Structure formats: C-alpha cells, structure tokens
Amino acid sequence: MSPTYLPAVLAVVSQCVLYAHGSVLNTNPWISKFSSKPKSNCVPHKDFATCTVQPDPRAPYKLTGAVRFAQTDYCGAYSYLLVSVSLKGFPLSEPLTKHGYHVHQYGDLSDGCTSTGGHYNPLNMTHGAPFDEIRHVGDFGNIPAHDGLVKHYHRDRVASIFGRYSILGRAIVIHAGTDDLGRGGKPSSKENGNAGARLACCIIGHGEEWYAADQQ
C-alpha cells in the first residue's frame, strides 16, 4: 500500500467509526434528553404531579402521606425532576431508618401494592442507585425515616413526567427494607435491590402547582 493511500483509508475509517458512535448515542433517550437545546422561541412549560400514598392491606403498619413532583419542559429539554416525599406512620420503635422506594410499572392497586408490578424499567437496565448510569428509570433509592416520619426532597436526572417514558399513571411503592442499590452481591440485588415487602403505594397523576419549578 502506498504511503499516500494509507492516510486516506484511515480518514475514511475514522469517519465511519464516528458516525456509528453518534448513531448509537442518538438512540439513547437520556443523551438526547440532556443534550438537546431549547428552541429560540421556546416558552418553558411547568407541570406537577401528585401521588397520595395509602397502606398495603397486608402491611404491618399503616403509612400515609404524599409524593409530589415538579418539572419544567424547555421544548423537549427537560429539567431535573424535583421530588418531595412526606410520610407518616412508621413505628417509633423501628430501628431501620432507610426504606427503599421506587416507581413501579403499573398504576394498578386492585390487589394492593402487589398489582403495581416490578420497577419501571422501559430500557431493560439492571437495578442500581439513583446516581448510577445503569439503573431503572424507577430507581429512586432510599428515603430516611426519623421519629416515625419522612420529610425528604431530592432531584432525579432520569425519571420524568414528560416524554415517551413519563412516570405519569404509574405507581410509587414504599418498601419495608433498605434498597441495597444493586450492590448486595446476589442476583436479586440487580433486579430489585432486596428492598423487601411493600408497605404502601399510590398512583402518580397530575397535581396542583406546589413549587416554583422554573427556579430549579
């Protein structure tokens, strides 16, 4: 092969690799979600959601409260999802202070929290922590309980109330155990985090404004 021919071949190969890599990236909805730029004439749209928690009929104690959501859509580029969790009913004598909670597949409470199915996982990922690159859309991690109560706020960079993989109409489930965040060393750890029985749940629906989402 001549010295002048080799650089040309390498240039073509490089372009093909870059094109293929870009094509793979563009199939990932989370990359397009955070890299897309708002249009110059974009008017941001805020939306809010609420999930009114009710205890599972089989739970040993009765949790009640609400999980609320706020988010802004900048014409296809979404802000982080702000989540507020307010619960009461944990026994004061309980030593466990962290409980797993997730978005589950189905907004169906016909058989209590059992009928909500597994974690919402439209991209067929393994279970992980909220900050992991590989995780379920519904992986919210753990919430801290103190003196029988939960008052917790967090932002999530994957779950959304907008778009193709919206969590609207799905369920929130609060578990009896602590989510091991996929690091428990057992096969079930990569499926559900070994968070235990389902204590309470609710269906996520549109809600009233409760937070200035444009100030996130």
C-alpha atoms as a PDB file:
ATOM      1  CA  MET A   1       0.000   0.000   0.000  1.00  0.00           C
ATOM      2  CA  SER A   2       1.458   3.355  -0.997  1.00  0.00           C
ATOM      3  CA  PRO A   3       2.303   5.999   1.692  1.00  0.00           C
ATOM      4  CA  THR A   4      -0.211   8.450   0.171  1.00  0.00           C
ATOM      5  CA  TYR A   5      -3.021   5.887   0.118  1.00  0.00           C
ATOM      6  CA  LEU A   6      -2.819   4.860   3.802  1.00  0.00           C
ATOM      7  CA  PRO A   7      -3.833   8.241   5.340  1.00  0.00           C
ATOM      8  CA  ALA A   8      -6.879   8.386   3.088  1.00  0.00           C
ATOM      9  CA  VAL A   9      -8.004   4.929   4.233  1.00  0.00           C
ATOM     10  CA  LEU A  10      -7.511   5.858   7.886  1.00  0.00           C
ATOM     11  CA  ALA A  11      -9.540   9.039   7.440  1.00  0.00           C
ATOM     12  CA  VAL A  12     -12.473   7.112   5.933  1.00  0.00           C
ATOM     13  CA  VAL A  13     -12.355   4.518   8.736  1.00  0.00           C
ATOM     14  CA  SER A  14     -12.293   7.262  11.367  1.00  0.00           C
ATOM     15  CA  GLN A  15     -15.352   8.948   9.882  1.00  0.00           C
ATOM     16  CA  CYS A  16     -17.224   5.630   9.818  1.00  0.00           C
ATOM     17  CA  VAL A  17     -16.410   4.983  13.481  1.00  0.00           C
ATOM     18  CA  LEU A  18     -17.551   8.461  14.488  1.00  0.00           C
ATOM     19  CA  TYR A  19     -20.768   8.102  12.534  1.00  0.00           C
ATOM     20  CA  ALA A  20     -21.530   4.734  14.079  1.00  0.00           C
ATOM     21  CA  HIS A  21     -20.751   6.025  17.566  1.00  0.00           C
ATOM     22  CA  GLY A  22     -23.029   9.010  17.036  1.00  0.00           C
ATOM     23  CA  SER A  23     -25.809   6.748  15.804  1.00  0.00           C
ATOM     24  CA  VAL A  24     -25.612   4.660  18.997  1.00  0.00           C
ATOM     25  CA  LEU A  25     -25.656   7.761  21.180  1.00  0.00           C
ATOM     26  CA  ASN A  26     -28.668   9.142  19.381  1.00  0.00           C
ATOM     27  CA  THR A  27     -30.680   6.019  20.236  1.00  0.00           C
ATOM     28  CA  ASN A  28     -30.231   6.704  23.949  1.00  0.00           C
ATOM     29  CA  PRO A  29     -33.204   8.843  25.092  1.00  0.00           C
ATOM     30  CA  TRP A  30     -31.312  10.166  28.128  1.00  0.00           C
ATOM     31  CA  ILE A  31     -28.495  11.582  25.989  1.00  0.00           C
ATOM     32  CA  SER A  32     -30.946  13.390  23.727  1.00  0.00           C
ATOM     33  CA  LYS A  33     -32.883  14.489  26.813  1.00  0.00           C
ATOM     34  CA  PHE A  34     -29.955  16.350  28.339  1.00  0.00           C
ATOM     35  CA  SER A  35     -28.111  17.431  25.202  1.00  0.00           C
ATOM     36  CA  SER A  36     -30.980  18.867  23.172  1.00  0.00           C
ATOM     37  CA  LYS A  37     -31.139  22.666  23.173  1.00  0.00           C
ATOM     38  CA  PRO A  38     -34.305  24.710  23.606  1.00  0.00           C
ATOM     39  CA  LYS A  39     -35.592  26.488  20.536  1.00  0.00           C
ATOM     40  CA  SER A  40     -35.037  30.230  20.405  1.00  0.00           C
ATOM     41  CA  ASN A  41     -38.785  30.883  20.632  1.00  0.00           C
ATOM     42  CA  CYS A  42     -39.354  28.291  23.359  1.00  0.00           C
ATOM     43  CA  VAL A  43     -41.803  29.061  26.166  1.00  0.00           C
ATOM     44  CA  PRO A  44     -40.999  26.789  29.139  1.00  0.00           C
ATOM     45  CA  HIS A  45     -43.880  24.672  30.369  1.00  0.00           C
ATOM     46  CA  LYS A  46     -44.110  23.571  34.000  1.00  0.00           C
ATOM     47  CA  ASP A  47     -46.008  20.519  35.145  1.00  0.00           C
ATOM     48  CA  PHE A  48     -46.734  18.991  38.517  1.00  0.00           C
ATOM     49  CA  ALA A  49     -47.788  15.554  39.709  1.00  0.00           C
ATOM     50  CA  THR A  50     -49.014  14.052  42.976  1.00  0.00           C
ATOM     51  CA  CYS A  51     -49.206  10.542  44.402  1.00  0.00           C
ATOM     52  CA  THR A  52     -51.396  10.109  47.523  1.00  0.00           C
ATOM     53  CA  VAL A  53     -49.904   7.246  49.498  1.00  0.00           C
ATOM     54  CA  GLN A  54     -52.098   4.535  51.008  1.00  0.00           C
ATOM     55  CA  PRO A  55     -51.056   1.476  53.019  1.00  0.00           C
ATOM     56  CA  ASP A  56     -50.999  -2.001  51.532  1.00  0.00           C
ATOM     57  CA  PRO A  57     -53.761  -4.146  53.140  1.00  0.00           C
ATOM     58  CA  ARG A  58     -51.116  -6.683  54.233  1.00  0.00           C
ATOM     59  CA  ALA A  59     -48.684  -4.165  55.750  1.00  0.00           C
ATOM     60  CA  PRO A  60     -47.879  -4.458  59.482  1.00  0.00           C
ATOM     61  CA  TYR A  61     -48.403  -0.719  59.947  1.00  0.00           C
ATOM     62  CA  LYS A  62     -50.257   1.986  58.052  1.00  0.00           C
ATOM     63  CA  LEU A  63     -48.292   4.558  56.105  1.00  0.00           C
ATOM     64  CA  THR A  64     -49.998   7.620  54.674  1.00  0.00           C
ATOM     65  CA  GLY A  65     -48.798  10.793  53.001  1.00  0.00           C
ATOM     66  CA  ALA A  66     -47.882  12.055  49.554  1.00  0.00           C
ATOM     67  CA  VAL A  67     -45.127  12.104  46.953  1.00  0.00           C
ATOM     68  CA  ARG A  68     -45.101  15.220  44.785  1.00  0.00           C
ATOM     69  CA  PHE A  69     -43.243  16.081  41.606  1.00  0.00           C
ATOM     70  CA  ALA A  70     -42.319  19.273  39.736  1.00  0.00           C
ATOM     71  CA  GLN A  71     -40.536  19.663  36.394  1.00  0.00           C
ATOM     72  CA  THR A  72     -40.052  22.114  33.524  1.00  0.00           C
ATOM     73  CA  ASP A  73     -40.102  21.234  29.817  1.00  0.00           C
ATOM     74  CA  TYR A  74     -37.936  23.553  27.719  1.00  0.00           C
ATOM     75  CA  CYS A  75     -39.423  22.421  24.386  1.00  0.00           C
ATOM     76  CA  GLY A  76     -38.007  18.914  24.685  1.00  0.00           C
ATOM     77  CA  ALA A  77     -35.082  19.593  27.013  1.00  0.00           C
ATOM     78  CA  TYR A  78     -36.318  18.679  30.478  1.00  0.00           C
ATOM     79  CA  SER A  79     -35.056  19.978  33.793  1.00  0.00           C
ATOM     80  CA  TYR A  80     -34.294  17.575  36.589  1.00  0.00           C
ATOM     81  CA  LEU A  81     -37.369  16.106  38.256  1.00  0.00           C
ATOM     82  CA  LEU A  82     -37.875  17.534  41.741  1.00  0.00           C
ATOM     83  CA  VAL A  83     -39.432  15.052  44.187  1.00  0.00           C
ATOM     84  CA  SER A  84     -40.896  15.713  47.626  1.00  0.00           C
ATOM     85  CA  VAL A  85     -41.791  12.811  49.949  1.00  0.00           C
ATOM     86  CA  SER A  86     -43.910  13.342  53.052  1.00  0.00           C
ATOM     87  CA  LEU A  87     -44.975  10.235  55.017  1.00  0.00           C
ATOM     88  CA  LYS A  88     -46.126   9.310  58.498  1.00  0.00           C
ATOM     89  CA  GLY A  89     -46.933   6.038  60.238  1.00  0.00           C
ATOM     90  CA  PHE A  90     -43.557   4.346  60.672  1.00  0.00           C
ATOM     91  CA  PRO A  91     -43.374   2.799  64.176  1.00  0.00           C
ATOM     92  CA  LEU A  92     -41.217   4.777  66.580  1.00  0.00           C
ATOM     93  CA  SER A  93     -39.641   1.554  67.827  1.00  0.00           C
ATOM     94  CA  GLU A  94     -38.416   0.538  64.376  1.00  0.00           C
ATOM     95  CA  PRO A  95     -34.589   0.604  64.201  1.00  0.00           C
ATOM     96  CA  LEU A  96     -34.494   0.764  60.389  1.00  0.00           C
ATOM     97  CA  THR A  97     -34.053   4.325  59.169  1.00  0.00           C
ATOM     98  CA  LYS A  98     -33.878   3.873  55.388  1.00  0.00           C
ATOM     99  CA  HIS A  99     -36.623   2.438  53.198  1.00  0.00           C
ATOM    100  CA  GLY A 100     -36.438   1.681  49.504  1.00  0.00           C
ATOM    101  CA  TYR A 101     -38.935   3.415  47.253  1.00  0.00           C
ATOM    102  CA  HIS A 102     -39.361   3.239  43.516  1.00  0.00           C
ATOM    103  CA  VAL A 103     -41.588   3.948  40.551  1.00  0.00           C
ATOM    104  CA  HIS A 104     -43.293   0.680  39.613  1.00  0.00           C
ATOM    105  CA  GLN A 105     -44.617  -0.406  36.249  1.00  0.00           C
ATOM    106  CA  TYR A 106     -48.404  -0.326  36.702  1.00  0.00           C
ATOM    107  CA  GLY A 107     -50.771   2.203  38.215  1.00  0.00           C
ATOM    108  CA  ASP A 108     -52.950  -0.670  39.449  1.00  0.00           C
ATOM    109  CA  LEU A 109     -53.882  -1.001  43.126  1.00  0.00           C
ATOM    110  CA  SER A 110     -56.566  -3.655  42.636  1.00  0.00           C
ATOM    111  CA  ASP A 111     -54.513  -6.087  44.742  1.00  0.00           C
ATOM    112  CA  GLY A 112     -52.868  -3.515  46.937  1.00  0.00           C
ATOM    113  CA  CYS A 113     -49.241  -2.787  46.107  1.00  0.00           C
ATOM    114  CA  THR A 114     -48.698  -6.260  44.638  1.00  0.00           C
ATOM    115  CA  SER A 115     -50.505  -5.387  41.402  1.00  0.00           C
ATOM    116  CA  THR A 116     -48.125  -2.498  40.616  1.00  0.00           C
ATOM    117  CA  GLY A 117     -45.659  -4.988  39.080  1.00  0.00           C
ATOM    118  CA  GLY A 118     -41.885  -4.528  39.156  1.00  0.00           C
ATOM    119  CA  HIS A 119     -39.749  -1.412  38.917  1.00  0.00           C
ATOM    120  CA  TYR A 120     -40.462   0.792  35.916  1.00  0.00           C
ATOM    121  CA  ASN A 121     -37.669  -0.229  33.542  1.00  0.00           C
ATOM    122  CA  PRO A 122     -38.537   0.573  29.898  1.00  0.00           C
ATOM    123  CA  LEU A 123     -34.877   0.444  28.798  1.00  0.00           C
ATOM    124  CA  ASN A 124     -34.289  -3.036  30.246  1.00  0.00           C
ATOM    125  CA  MET A 125     -31.441  -1.981  32.536  1.00  0.00           C
ATOM    126  CA  THR A 126     -30.249  -3.645  35.738  1.00  0.00           C
ATOM    127  CA  HIS A 127     -31.162  -2.168  39.118  1.00  0.00           C
ATOM    128  CA  GLY A 128     -28.898   0.488  40.558  1.00  0.00           C
ATOM    129  CA  ALA A 129     -28.633   3.648  42.606  1.00  0.00           C
ATOM    130  CA  PRO A 130     -30.280   6.924  41.523  1.00  0.00           C
ATOM    131  CA  PHE A 131     -26.852   8.346  40.629  1.00  0.00           C
ATOM    132  CA  ASP A 132     -25.736   5.315  38.571  1.00  0.00           C
ATOM    133  CA  GLU A 133     -25.506   5.398  34.778  1.00  0.00           C
ATOM    134  CA  ILE A 134     -27.035   1.900  34.646  1.00  0.00           C
ATOM    135  CA  ARG A 135     -30.314   1.900  36.561  1.00  0.00           C
ATOM    136  CA  HIS A 136     -34.052   1.513  36.169  1.00  0.00           C
ATOM    137  CA  VAL A 137     -35.996   4.665  35.349  1.00  0.00           C
ATOM    138  CA  GLY A 138     -37.879   3.974  38.587  1.00  0.00           C
ATOM    139  CA  ASP A 139     -34.817   3.619  40.814  1.00  0.00           C
ATOM    140  CA  PHE A 140     -35.270   6.343  43.431  1.00  0.00           C
ATOM    141  CA  GLY A 141     -33.094   4.684  46.102  1.00  0.00           C
ATOM    142  CA  ASN A 142     -33.984   5.126  49.767  1.00  0.00           C
ATOM    143  CA  ILE A 143     -35.878   7.597  51.918  1.00  0.00           C
ATOM    144  CA  PRO A 144     -34.850   8.334  55.536  1.00  0.00           C
ATOM    145  CA  ALA A 145     -37.357   7.838  58.359  1.00  0.00           C
ATOM    146  CA  HIS A 146     -36.952   9.690  61.664  1.00  0.00           C
ATOM    147  CA  ASP A 147     -39.361   9.648  64.612  1.00  0.00           C
ATOM    148  CA  GLY A 148     -41.925   7.804  62.506  1.00  0.00           C
ATOM    149  CA  LEU A 149     -41.868  10.419  59.737  1.00  0.00           C
ATOM    150  CA  VAL A 150     -40.306  11.012  56.317  1.00  0.00           C
ATOM    151  CA  LYS A 151     -39.649  14.538  55.042  1.00  0.00           C
ATOM    152  CA  HIS A 152     -37.369  14.193  52.064  1.00  0.00           C
ATOM    153  CA  TYR A 153     -36.532  16.147  48.907  1.00  0.00           C
ATOM    154  CA  HIS A 154     -34.369  15.071  46.014  1.00  0.00           C
ATOM    155  CA  ARG A 155     -33.794  15.660  42.305  1.00  0.00           C
ATOM    156  CA  ASP A 156     -33.714  12.858  39.760  1.00  0.00           C
ATOM    157  CA  ARG A 157     -31.922  13.127  36.418  1.00  0.00           C
ATOM    158  CA  VAL A 158     -33.589  10.164  34.664  1.00  0.00           C
ATOM    159  CA  ALA A 159     -37.258   9.889  35.612  1.00  0.00           C
ATOM    160  CA  SER A 160     -39.595  12.435  34.032  1.00  0.00           C
ATOM    161  CA  ILE A 161     -43.238  13.439  33.972  1.00  0.00           C
ATOM    162  CA  PHE A 162     -42.771  14.412  30.311  1.00  0.00           C
ATOM    163  CA  GLY A 163     -41.923  12.455  27.193  1.00  0.00           C
ATOM    164  CA  ARG A 164     -42.057   8.900  25.964  1.00  0.00           C
ATOM    165  CA  TYR A 165     -41.079   7.365  29.299  1.00  0.00           C
ATOM    166  CA  SER A 166     -43.265   9.515  31.520  1.00  0.00           C
ATOM    167  CA  ILE A 167     -43.954   8.158  35.001  1.00  0.00           C
ATOM    168  CA  LEU A 168     -47.500   9.590  34.979  1.00  0.00           C
ATOM    169  CA  GLY A 169     -50.070   6.850  35.511  1.00  0.00           C
ATOM    170  CA  ARG A 170     -47.528   4.554  37.134  1.00  0.00           C
ATOM    171  CA  ALA A 171     -47.087   3.792  40.830  1.00  0.00           C
ATOM    172  CA  ILE A 172     -44.847   4.702  43.733  1.00  0.00           C
ATOM    173  CA  VAL A 173     -44.112   1.857  46.172  1.00  0.00           C
ATOM    174  CA  ILE A 174     -42.532   2.232  49.623  1.00  0.00           C
ATOM    175  CA  HIS A 175     -40.758  -0.900  50.852  1.00  0.00           C
ATOM    176  CA  ALA A 176     -40.192  -2.397  54.294  1.00  0.00           C
ATOM    177  CA  GLY A 177     -36.432  -2.832  53.824  1.00  0.00           C
ATOM    178  CA  THR A 178     -33.452  -0.813  52.671  1.00  0.00           C
ATOM    179  CA  ASP A 179     -32.594  -0.859  48.960  1.00  0.00           C
ATOM    180  CA  ASP A 180     -29.042  -2.212  48.527  1.00  0.00           C
ATOM    181  CA  LEU A 181     -28.770  -0.161  45.294  1.00  0.00           C
ATOM    182  CA  GLY A 182     -27.673  -3.171  43.247  1.00  0.00           C
ATOM    183  CA  ARG A 183     -24.611  -3.771  45.388  1.00  0.00           C
ATOM    184  CA  GLY A 184     -25.827  -6.695  47.515  1.00  0.00           C
ATOM    185  CA  GLY A 185     -23.910  -9.385  45.662  1.00  0.00           C
ATOM    186  CA  LYS A 186     -26.969 -11.535  44.879  1.00  0.00           C
ATOM    187  CA  PRO A 187     -28.850 -11.868  41.563  1.00  0.00           C
ATOM    188  CA  SER A 188     -31.949 -10.298  43.155  1.00  0.00           C
ATOM    189  CA  SER A 189     -29.862  -7.242  44.032  1.00  0.00           C
ATOM    190  CA  LYS A 190     -29.608  -6.356  40.343  1.00  0.00           C
ATOM    191  CA  GLU A 191     -33.368  -6.887  39.924  1.00  0.00           C
ATOM    192  CA  ASN A 192     -34.977  -5.102  42.863  1.00  0.00           C
ATOM    193  CA  GLY A 193     -32.349  -4.138  45.442  1.00  0.00           C
ATOM    194  CA  ASN A 194     -33.733  -6.597  48.029  1.00  0.00           C
ATOM    195  CA  ALA A 195     -35.895  -3.849  49.491  1.00  0.00           C
ATOM    196  CA  GLY A 196     -38.414  -6.271  50.953  1.00  0.00           C
ATOM    197  CA  ALA A 197     -42.180  -6.236  51.336  1.00  0.00           C
ATOM    198  CA  ARG A 198     -44.384  -3.457  50.004  1.00  0.00           C
ATOM    199  CA  LEU A 199     -45.716  -1.248  52.775  1.00  0.00           C
ATOM    200  CA  ALA A 200     -47.596   1.427  50.842  1.00  0.00           C
ATOM    201  CA  CYS A 201     -48.202   2.693  47.330  1.00  0.00           C
ATOM    202  CA  CYS A 202     -50.051   5.189  45.162  1.00  0.00           C
ATOM    203  CA  ILE A 203     -50.745   6.135  41.547  1.00  0.00           C
ATOM    204  CA  ILE A 204     -48.951   9.143  40.040  1.00  0.00           C
ATOM    205  CA  GLY A 205     -51.310  11.685  38.493  1.00  0.00           C
ATOM    206  CA  HIS A 206     -51.332  15.362  37.509  1.00  0.00           C
ATOM    207  CA  GLY A 207     -51.309  17.649  40.526  1.00  0.00           C
ATOM    208  CA  GLU A 208     -51.591  21.259  41.588  1.00  0.00           C
ATOM    209  CA  GLU A 209     -48.623  23.625  41.497  1.00  0.00           C
ATOM    210  CA  TRP A 210     -46.607  23.404  44.706  1.00  0.00           C
ATOM    211  CA  TYR A 211     -43.100  24.514  43.750  1.00  0.00           C
ATOM    212  CA  ALA A 212     -41.533  27.170  41.518  1.00  0.00           C
ATOM    213  CA  ALA A 213     -40.193  24.602  39.034  1.00  0.00           C
ATOM    214  CA  ASP A 214     -38.575  27.283  36.893  1.00  0.00           C
ATOM    215  CA  GLN A 215     -36.213  28.012  39.810  1.00  0.00           C
ATOM    216  CA  GLN A 216     -34.702  24.514  39.883  1.00  0.00           C
END
